[in-house]
Amino acid sequence: MDKKLTYEEALAQLEKLVEQIEDPDKKLNALSDDLKKAMELIKYCKNCLKKTEEDLSKIVED
């Protein structure tokens, strides 16, 4: 990720990429690039969710 995204921004970018990937007229080279970017965004979103879950667990435990 080039800049620090919020979870919501990353999810919005991911949703846009999914639409582009599902386009039947999409060129193969662009599809590969979009898929790589989507995988990065998925990983980023998972990490955000994991961190939030850990933070919430700490709050509940205290």
Protein backbone atom coordinates (compact mmCIF):
# COMPACT_ATOMS: atom_id res chain seq x y z
CA MET A 1 0.00 0.00 0.00
CA ASP A 2 1.37 3.36 -0.99
CA LYS A 3 -0.45 5.38 1.64
CA LYS A 4 -2.21 4.57 4.85
CA LEU A 5 -5.77 3.71 3.89
CA THR A 6 -8.71 3.36 6.19
CA TYR A 7 -10.51 0.05 6.13
CA GLU A 8 -13.45 1.71 4.39
CA GLU A 9 -11.24 3.20 1.65
CA ALA A 10 -9.52 -0.13 1.04
CA LEU A 11 -12.87 -1.93 0.90
CA ALA A 12 -14.23 0.61 -1.59
CA GLN A 13 -11.17 0.14 -3.81
CA LEU A 14 -11.57 -3.61 -3.55
CA GLU A 15 -15.23 -3.45 -4.55
CA LYS A 16 -14.32 -1.32 -7.56
CA LEU A 17 -11.60 -3.77 -8.58
CA VAL A 18 -14.01 -6.70 -8.31
CA GLU A 19 -16.36 -4.93 -10.71
CA GLN A 20 -13.48 -4.37 -13.12
CA ILE A 21 -12.30 -7.99 -12.83
CA GLU A 22 -15.81 -9.26 -13.55
CA ASP A 23 -16.01 -7.17 -16.75
CA PRO A 24 -16.10 -9.69 -19.64
CA ASP A 25 -14.30 -7.20 -21.93
CA LYS A 26 -11.33 -6.89 -19.55
CA LYS A 27 -7.95 -7.42 -21.18
CA LEU A 28 -5.88 -10.27 -19.79
CA ASN A 29 -2.85 -8.12 -18.85
CA ALA A 30 -5.00 -5.65 -16.95
CA LEU A 31 -6.81 -8.51 -15.24
CA SER A 32 -3.56 -9.79 -13.79
CA ASP A 33 -2.64 -6.37 -12.40
CA ASP A 34 -6.10 -5.88 -10.93
CA LEU A 35 -6.03 -9.30 -9.32
CA LYS A 36 -2.67 -8.59 -7.68
CA LYS A 37 -3.95 -5.27 -6.33
CA ALA A 38 -7.14 -6.96 -5.08
CA MET A 39 -5.10 -9.56 -3.20
CA GLU A 40 -3.08 -6.79 -1.52
CA LEU A 41 -6.28 -5.03 -0.50
CA ILE A 42 -7.78 -8.25 0.86
CA LYS A 43 -4.69 -8.84 2.97
CA TYR A 44 -4.77 -5.24 4.20
CA CYS A 45 -8.47 -5.48 5.12
CA LYS A 46 -7.92 -8.76 6.97
CA ASN A 47 -5.09 -7.18 8.95
CA CYS A 48 -7.28 -4.19 9.82
CA LEU A 49 -10.05 -6.47 11.05
CA LYS A 50 -7.62 -8.59 13.06
CA LYS A 51 -6.13 -5.52 14.74
CA THR A 52 -9.57 -4.13 15.55
CA GLU A 53 -10.64 -7.48 16.99
CA GLU A 54 -7.51 -7.58 19.18
CA ASP A 55 -8.09 -4.01 20.36
CA LEU A 56 -11.71 -4.75 21.22
CA SER A 57 -10.74 -7.91 23.09
CA LYS A 58 -8.29 -5.92 25.21
CA ILE A 59 -10.98 -3.37 26.02
CA VAL A 60 -13.51 -6.05 26.98
CA GLU A 61 -10.95 -7.89 29.13
CA ASP A 62 -10.06 -4.75 31.10
